[in-house]
């Protein structure tokens, strides 16, 4: 890692953090520069969107209650390691939020040595990679569950309408998918939606009588 963006939102709470010197006498910018890193700064989401493509990691200089929204804002722009600047002042404004689900890849404190900062960033990079892999696996799992739901619904419709067993309905779905050169879930979704439309029209027609 060579370039770090420090995000310090411009608002009343963070202004208090900025105006009060850290007890260790360091700001995230001065500490990171002293460790040999190039430092980029952002105080708005627009500025963050401009500098994030150049950064290897982001340090959030704010109280924890603000971290959640900024974490999401950064993720919309780019997936990269996120660390919290854990100064005494930041901790003082975060006591009530310490039990919240604030997912971060690491933290940096004012009193860290250059070696500690280096390892904190390296571990954050590894944590970020694992988090991205887990989120990707979770997304794929949810997609498979959604696809399975449509296939099961289509099997039920075919079994009821054509007097087929579940195995026969599944084979029919698979055969249709092969013939139409489509995925089974796409064929299943079409069957379910057509069935629901027919049911809706039937009920609507019955209501008019």
C-alpha atoms as a PDB file:
ATOM      1  CA  UNK A   1       0.000   0.000   0.000  1.00  0.00           C
ATOM      2  CA  UNK A   2       1.296   3.431  -0.915  1.00  0.00           C
ATOM      3  CA  UNK A   3      -1.619   5.872  -1.036  1.00  0.00           C
ATOM      4  CA  UNK A   4      -4.191   6.346   1.743  1.00  0.00           C
ATOM      5  CA  UNK A   5      -7.241   8.593   1.671  1.00  0.00           C
ATOM      6  CA  UNK A   6      -8.265  10.161   4.989  1.00  0.00           C
ATOM      7  CA  UNK A   7     -11.971  11.011   5.089  1.00  0.00           C
ATOM      8  CA  UNK A   8     -12.915  13.695   7.611  1.00  0.00           C
ATOM      9  CA  UNK A   9     -16.527  14.854   7.108  1.00  0.00           C
ATOM     10  CA  UNK A  10     -17.261  18.541   7.469  1.00  0.00           C
ATOM     11  CA  UNK A  11     -19.844  18.759  10.235  1.00  0.00           C
ATOM     12  CA  UNK A  12     -20.133  19.934  13.802  1.00  0.00           C
ATOM     13  CA  UNK A  13     -19.205  16.666  15.480  1.00  0.00           C
ATOM     14  CA  UNK A  14     -16.109  16.094  13.381  1.00  0.00           C
ATOM     15  CA  UNK A  15     -15.126  19.755  13.669  1.00  0.00           C
ATOM     16  CA  UNK A  16     -14.864  19.119  17.382  1.00  0.00           C
ATOM     17  CA  UNK A  17     -12.554  16.177  16.666  1.00  0.00           C
ATOM     18  CA  UNK A  18     -10.439  18.319  14.370  1.00  0.00           C
ATOM     19  CA  UNK A  19     -10.213  21.283  16.736  1.00  0.00           C
ATOM     20  CA  UNK A  20      -9.151  19.140  19.701  1.00  0.00           C
ATOM     21  CA  UNK A  21      -5.572  17.848  19.336  1.00  0.00           C
ATOM     22  CA  UNK A  22      -5.179  14.116  19.863  1.00  0.00           C
ATOM     23  CA  UNK A  23      -3.526  13.276  23.166  1.00  0.00           C
ATOM     24  CA  UNK A  24      -0.726  11.504  21.320  1.00  0.00           C
ATOM     25  CA  UNK A  25      -0.127  14.696  19.328  1.00  0.00           C
ATOM     26  CA  UNK A  26      -0.820  13.188  15.926  1.00  0.00           C
ATOM     27  CA  UNK A  27      -3.412  13.502  13.201  1.00  0.00           C
ATOM     28  CA  UNK A  28      -4.052  10.626  10.781  1.00  0.00           C
ATOM     29  CA  UNK A  29      -2.479  12.662   7.978  1.00  0.00           C
ATOM     30  CA  UNK A  30       0.728  13.429   9.897  1.00  0.00           C
ATOM     31  CA  UNK A  31       1.079   9.870  11.185  1.00  0.00           C
ATOM     32  CA  UNK A  32       0.615   8.296   7.754  1.00  0.00           C
ATOM     33  CA  UNK A  33       2.939  10.764   6.046  1.00  0.00           C
ATOM     34  CA  UNK A  34       5.532  10.123   8.743  1.00  0.00           C
ATOM     35  CA  UNK A  35       5.264   6.410   7.920  1.00  0.00           C
ATOM     36  CA  UNK A  36       6.008   7.087   4.250  1.00  0.00           C
ATOM     37  CA  UNK A  37       2.508   6.943   2.790  1.00  0.00           C
ATOM     38  CA  UNK A  38       1.055   9.405   0.319  1.00  0.00           C
ATOM     39  CA  UNK A  39      -2.052  10.941   1.882  1.00  0.00           C
ATOM     40  CA  UNK A  40      -5.190  12.087   0.055  1.00  0.00           C
ATOM     41  CA  UNK A  41      -7.951  13.987   1.835  1.00  0.00           C
ATOM     42  CA  UNK A  42     -11.725  14.213   1.434  1.00  0.00           C
ATOM     43  CA  UNK A  43     -14.396  16.021   3.428  1.00  0.00           C
ATOM     44  CA  UNK A  44     -17.383  15.385   1.134  1.00  0.00           C
ATOM     45  CA  UNK A  45     -18.684  12.389  -0.796  1.00  0.00           C
ATOM     46  CA  UNK A  46     -17.904  14.208  -4.042  1.00  0.00           C
ATOM     47  CA  UNK A  47     -14.275  14.653  -3.040  1.00  0.00           C
ATOM     48  CA  UNK A  48     -14.095  11.044  -1.880  1.00  0.00           C
ATOM     49  CA  UNK A  49     -15.386   9.843  -5.254  1.00  0.00           C
ATOM     50  CA  UNK A  50     -12.578  11.802  -6.913  1.00  0.00           C
ATOM     51  CA  UNK A  51      -9.680  10.482  -4.815  1.00  0.00           C
ATOM     52  CA  UNK A  52     -10.799   6.918  -4.004  1.00  0.00           C
ATOM     53  CA  UNK A  53      -9.701   5.509  -7.404  1.00  0.00           C
ATOM     54  CA  UNK A  54      -6.136   6.546  -6.513  1.00  0.00           C
ATOM     55  CA  UNK A  55      -6.157   5.103  -2.986  1.00  0.00           C
ATOM     56  CA  UNK A  56      -5.100   1.718  -1.637  1.00  0.00           C
ATOM     57  CA  UNK A  57      -7.067   2.126   1.599  1.00  0.00           C
ATOM     58  CA  UNK A  58      -9.310   4.609   3.399  1.00  0.00           C
ATOM     59  CA  UNK A  59      -9.068   5.895   6.963  1.00  0.00           C
ATOM     60  CA  UNK A  60     -12.323   7.204   8.431  1.00  0.00           C
ATOM     61  CA  UNK A  61     -11.589  10.105  10.794  1.00  0.00           C
ATOM     62  CA  UNK A  62     -14.929  10.442  12.557  1.00  0.00           C
ATOM     63  CA  UNK A  63     -16.970   9.176  15.477  1.00  0.00           C
ATOM     64  CA  UNK A  64     -18.440   5.685  15.069  1.00  0.00           C
ATOM     65  CA  UNK A  65     -22.056   6.852  14.625  1.00  0.00           C
ATOM     66  CA  UNK A  66     -20.976   8.378  11.288  1.00  0.00           C
ATOM     67  CA  UNK A  67     -18.910   5.414  10.134  1.00  0.00           C
ATOM     68  CA  UNK A  68     -21.844   3.305   8.906  1.00  0.00           C
ATOM     69  CA  UNK A  69     -23.109   5.831   6.333  1.00  0.00           C
ATOM     70  CA  UNK A  70     -19.595   6.679   5.159  1.00  0.00           C
ATOM     71  CA  UNK A  71     -18.685   3.011   4.894  1.00  0.00           C
ATOM     72  CA  UNK A  72     -21.634   2.503   2.554  1.00  0.00           C
ATOM     73  CA  UNK A  73     -20.785   5.648   0.579  1.00  0.00           C
ATOM     74  CA  UNK A  74     -17.207   4.461   0.066  1.00  0.00           C
ATOM     75  CA  UNK A  75     -18.356   0.948  -0.909  1.00  0.00           C
ATOM     76  CA  UNK A  76     -20.555   2.421  -3.646  1.00  0.00           C
ATOM     77  CA  UNK A  77     -17.463   3.955  -5.198  1.00  0.00           C
ATOM     78  CA  UNK A  78     -14.913   1.232  -4.600  1.00  0.00           C
ATOM     79  CA  UNK A  79     -14.203  -1.816  -2.454  1.00  0.00           C
ATOM     80  CA  UNK A  80     -11.016  -1.174  -0.503  1.00  0.00           C
ATOM     81  CA  UNK A  81      -9.743  -1.634   3.068  1.00  0.00           C
ATOM     82  CA  UNK A  82     -11.519   0.612   5.576  1.00  0.00           C
ATOM     83  CA  UNK A  83      -9.876   1.590   8.849  1.00  0.00           C
ATOM     84  CA  UNK A  84     -11.034   3.794  11.717  1.00  0.00           C
ATOM     85  CA  UNK A  85      -8.860   6.519  13.237  1.00  0.00           C
ATOM     86  CA  UNK A  86      -9.259   5.480  16.879  1.00  0.00           C
ATOM     87  CA  UNK A  87      -8.093   8.551  18.781  1.00  0.00           C
ATOM     88  CA  UNK A  88      -9.186   9.366  22.365  1.00  0.00           C
ATOM     89  CA  UNK A  89     -11.397  12.132  20.982  1.00  0.00           C
ATOM     90  CA  UNK A  90     -13.042   9.832  18.430  1.00  0.00           C
ATOM     91  CA  UNK A  91     -13.620   7.198  21.115  1.00  0.00           C
ATOM     92  CA  UNK A  92     -15.206   9.827  23.346  1.00  0.00           C
ATOM     93  CA  UNK A  93     -17.874  10.466  20.724  1.00  0.00           C
ATOM     94  CA  UNK A  94     -18.415   6.775  20.020  1.00  0.00           C
ATOM     95  CA  UNK A  95     -19.222   5.197  23.375  1.00  0.00           C
ATOM     96  CA  UNK A  96     -22.927   4.745  22.621  1.00  0.00           C
ATOM     97  CA  UNK A  97     -22.199   3.204  19.214  1.00  0.00           C
ATOM     98  CA  UNK A  98     -19.596   0.642  20.300  1.00  0.00           C
ATOM     99  CA  UNK A  99     -22.187  -2.146  20.274  1.00  0.00           C
ATOM    100  CA  UNK A 100     -23.399  -1.344  16.759  1.00  0.00           C
ATOM    101  CA  UNK A 101     -22.605  -3.588  13.814  1.00  0.00           C
ATOM    102  CA  UNK A 102     -19.896  -1.356  12.361  1.00  0.00           C
ATOM    103  CA  UNK A 103     -17.971  -3.534   9.920  1.00  0.00           C
ATOM    104  CA  UNK A 104     -14.430  -2.275   9.423  1.00  0.00           C
ATOM    105  CA  UNK A 105     -11.190  -3.918   8.360  1.00  0.00           C
ATOM    106  CA  UNK A 106      -9.013  -2.407  11.073  1.00  0.00           C
ATOM    107  CA  UNK A 107      -8.082   0.666  13.064  1.00  0.00           C
ATOM    108  CA  UNK A 108      -5.153   3.021  13.534  1.00  0.00           C
ATOM    109  CA  UNK A 109      -4.336   4.877  16.725  1.00  0.00           C
ATOM    110  CA  UNK A 110      -2.261   8.055  17.194  1.00  0.00           C
ATOM    111  CA  UNK A 111       0.469   6.311  19.191  1.00  0.00           C
ATOM    112  CA  UNK A 112       1.304   3.627  16.631  1.00  0.00           C
ATOM    113  CA  UNK A 113       4.816   3.163  15.337  1.00  0.00           C
ATOM    114  CA  UNK A 114       5.567   2.984  11.610  1.00  0.00           C
ATOM    115  CA  UNK A 115       5.805  -0.825  11.820  1.00  0.00           C
ATOM    116  CA  UNK A 116       2.456  -1.032  13.621  1.00  0.00           C
ATOM    117  CA  UNK A 117       0.788   1.184  11.030  1.00  0.00           C
ATOM    118  CA  UNK A 118       2.270  -0.931   8.253  1.00  0.00           C
ATOM    119  CA  UNK A 119       0.957  -4.154   9.767  1.00  0.00           C
ATOM    120  CA  UNK A 120      -2.425  -2.614  10.536  1.00  0.00           C
ATOM    121  CA  UNK A 121      -2.780  -1.689   6.857  1.00  0.00           C
ATOM    122  CA  UNK A 122      -1.563  -5.092   5.666  1.00  0.00           C
ATOM    123  CA  UNK A 123      -3.999  -6.928   7.946  1.00  0.00           C
ATOM    124  CA  UNK A 124      -6.784  -4.580   6.861  1.00  0.00           C
ATOM    125  CA  UNK A 125      -6.037  -5.468   3.246  1.00  0.00           C
ATOM    126  CA  UNK A 126      -6.324  -9.166   4.047  1.00  0.00           C
ATOM    127  CA  UNK A 127      -9.535  -8.584   6.007  1.00  0.00           C
ATOM    128  CA  UNK A 128     -10.982  -6.622   3.085  1.00  0.00           C
ATOM    129  CA  UNK A 129     -10.196  -9.438   0.660  1.00  0.00           C
ATOM    130  CA  UNK A 130     -11.818 -12.014   2.934  1.00  0.00           C
ATOM    131  CA  UNK A 131     -14.846  -9.764   3.427  1.00  0.00           C
ATOM    132  CA  UNK A 132     -15.276  -9.339  -0.319  1.00  0.00           C
ATOM    133  CA  UNK A 133     -14.993 -13.104  -0.856  1.00  0.00           C
ATOM    134  CA  UNK A 134     -17.572 -13.740   1.864  1.00  0.00           C
ATOM    135  CA  UNK A 135     -19.948 -11.118   0.458  1.00  0.00           C
ATOM    136  CA  UNK A 136     -19.562 -12.642  -3.021  1.00  0.00           C
ATOM    137  CA  UNK A 137     -20.284 -16.129  -1.679  1.00  0.00           C
ATOM    138  CA  UNK A 138     -23.296 -14.821   0.243  1.00  0.00           C
ATOM    139  CA  UNK A 139     -24.613 -13.151  -2.900  1.00  0.00           C
ATOM    140  CA  UNK A 140     -24.190 -16.361  -4.904  1.00  0.00           C
ATOM    141  CA  UNK A 141     -25.914 -18.388  -2.182  1.00  0.00           C
ATOM    142  CA  UNK A 142     -28.881 -16.024  -2.061  1.00  0.00           C
ATOM    143  CA  UNK A 143     -29.107 -16.172  -5.849  1.00  0.00           C
ATOM    144  CA  UNK A 144     -29.134 -19.970  -5.793  1.00  0.00           C
ATOM    145  CA  UNK A 145     -31.846 -19.957  -3.127  1.00  0.00           C
ATOM    146  CA  UNK A 146     -33.920 -17.549  -5.215  1.00  0.00           C
ATOM    147  CA  UNK A 147     -33.477 -19.714  -8.311  1.00  0.00           C
ATOM    148  CA  UNK A 148     -34.428 -22.820  -6.328  1.00  0.00           C
ATOM    149  CA  UNK A 149     -37.602 -21.091  -5.163  1.00  0.00           C
ATOM    150  CA  UNK A 150     -38.754 -20.456  -8.750  1.00  0.00           C
ATOM    151  CA  UNK A 151     -37.907 -24.023  -9.807  1.00  0.00           C
ATOM    152  CA  UNK A 152     -39.841 -25.497  -6.872  1.00  0.00           C
ATOM    153  CA  UNK A 153     -42.841 -23.299  -7.645  1.00  0.00           C
ATOM    154  CA  UNK A 154     -42.770 -24.334 -11.311  1.00  0.00           C
ATOM    155  CA  UNK A 155     -42.478 -28.007 -10.345  1.00  0.00           C
ATOM    156  CA  UNK A 156     -45.554 -27.643  -8.155  1.00  0.00           C
ATOM    157  CA  UNK A 157     -47.529 -26.015 -10.960  1.00  0.00           C
ATOM    158  CA  UNK A 158     -46.540 -28.702 -13.473  1.00  0.00           C
ATOM    159  CA  UNK A 159     -47.273 -31.484 -11.002  1.00  0.00           C
ATOM    160  CA  UNK A 160     -50.738 -30.112 -10.291  1.00  0.00           C
ATOM    161  CA  UNK A 161     -51.700 -29.124 -13.836  1.00  0.00           C
ATOM    162  CA  UNK A 162     -50.317 -32.182 -15.628  1.00  0.00           C
ATOM    163  CA  UNK A 163     -50.524 -34.843 -12.964  1.00  0.00           C
ATOM    164  CA  UNK A 164     -46.764 -35.355 -12.853  1.00  0.00           C
ATOM    165  CA  UNK A 165     -44.542 -36.485 -10.019  1.00  0.00           C
ATOM    166  CA  UNK A 166     -41.914 -34.054  -8.731  1.00  0.00           C
ATOM    167  CA  UNK A 167     -39.209 -36.002 -10.550  1.00  0.00           C
ATOM    168  CA  UNK A 168     -41.163 -35.934 -13.803  1.00  0.00           C
ATOM    169  CA  UNK A 169     -41.868 -32.212 -13.428  1.00  0.00           C
ATOM    170  CA  UNK A 170     -38.168 -31.576 -12.875  1.00  0.00           C
ATOM    171  CA  UNK A 171     -37.210 -33.586 -15.953  1.00  0.00           C
ATOM    172  CA  UNK A 172     -39.790 -31.677 -18.003  1.00  0.00           C
ATOM    173  CA  UNK A 173     -38.311 -28.377 -16.839  1.00  0.00           C
ATOM    174  CA  UNK A 174     -34.808 -29.576 -17.685  1.00  0.00           C
ATOM    175  CA  UNK A 175     -35.912 -30.794 -21.115  1.00  0.00           C
ATOM    176  CA  UNK A 176     -37.650 -27.484 -21.897  1.00  0.00           C
ATOM    177  CA  UNK A 177     -34.574 -25.542 -20.831  1.00  0.00           C
ATOM    178  CA  UNK A 178     -32.342 -27.631 -23.090  1.00  0.00           C
ATOM    179  CA  UNK A 179     -34.677 -27.285 -26.061  1.00  0.00           C
ATOM    180  CA  UNK A 180     -35.013 -23.529 -25.641  1.00  0.00           C
ATOM    181  CA  UNK A 181     -31.330 -23.136 -24.744  1.00  0.00           C
ATOM    182  CA  UNK A 182     -32.233 -21.330 -21.545  1.00  0.00           C
ATOM    183  CA  UNK A 183     -31.446 -21.773 -17.886  1.00  0.00           C
ATOM    184  CA  UNK A 184     -33.880 -23.877 -15.909  1.00  0.00           C
ATOM    185  CA  UNK A 185     -34.627 -20.934 -13.620  1.00  0.00           C
ATOM    186  CA  UNK A 186     -35.624 -18.784 -16.611  1.00  0.00           C
ATOM    187  CA  UNK A 187     -38.036 -21.447 -17.866  1.00  0.00           C
ATOM    188  CA  UNK A 188     -39.385 -21.932 -14.345  1.00  0.00           C
ATOM    189  CA  UNK A 189     -39.881 -18.187 -13.863  1.00  0.00           C
ATOM    190  CA  UNK A 190     -41.829 -17.953 -17.137  1.00  0.00           C
ATOM    191  CA  UNK A 191     -44.094 -20.839 -16.111  1.00  0.00           C
ATOM    192  CA  UNK A 192     -44.830 -19.317 -12.711  1.00  0.00           C
ATOM    193  CA  UNK A 193     -45.545 -15.857 -14.108  1.00  0.00           C
ATOM    194  CA  UNK A 194     -47.852 -17.194 -16.839  1.00  0.00           C
ATOM    195  CA  UNK A 195     -49.665 -19.318 -14.258  1.00  0.00           C
ATOM    196  CA  UNK A 196     -50.095 -16.340 -11.919  1.00  0.00           C
ATOM    197  CA  UNK A 197     -51.394 -14.211 -14.795  1.00  0.00           C
ATOM    198  CA  UNK A 198     -53.930 -16.883 -15.757  1.00  0.00           C
ATOM    199  CA  UNK A 199     -55.054 -17.203 -12.150  1.00  0.00           C
ATOM    200  CA  UNK A 200     -55.441 -13.439 -11.877  1.00  0.00           C
ATOM    201  CA  UNK A 201     -57.485 -13.236 -15.082  1.00  0.00           C
ATOM    202  CA  UNK A 202     -59.650 -16.159 -14.001  1.00  0.00           C
ATOM    203  CA  UNK A 203     -60.441 -14.518 -10.656  1.00  0.00           C
ATOM    204  CA  UNK A 204     -61.073 -11.195 -12.363  1.00  0.00           C
ATOM    205  CA  UNK A 205     -63.474 -12.822 -14.819  1.00  0.00           C
ATOM    206  CA  UNK A 206     -65.296 -14.671 -12.049  1.00  0.00           C
ATOM    207  CA  UNK A 207     -65.707 -11.424 -10.167  1.00  0.00           C
ATOM    208  CA  UNK A 208     -67.495  -9.810 -13.093  1.00  0.00           C
ATOM    209  CA  UNK A 209     -70.044 -12.620 -13.213  1.00  0.00           C
END
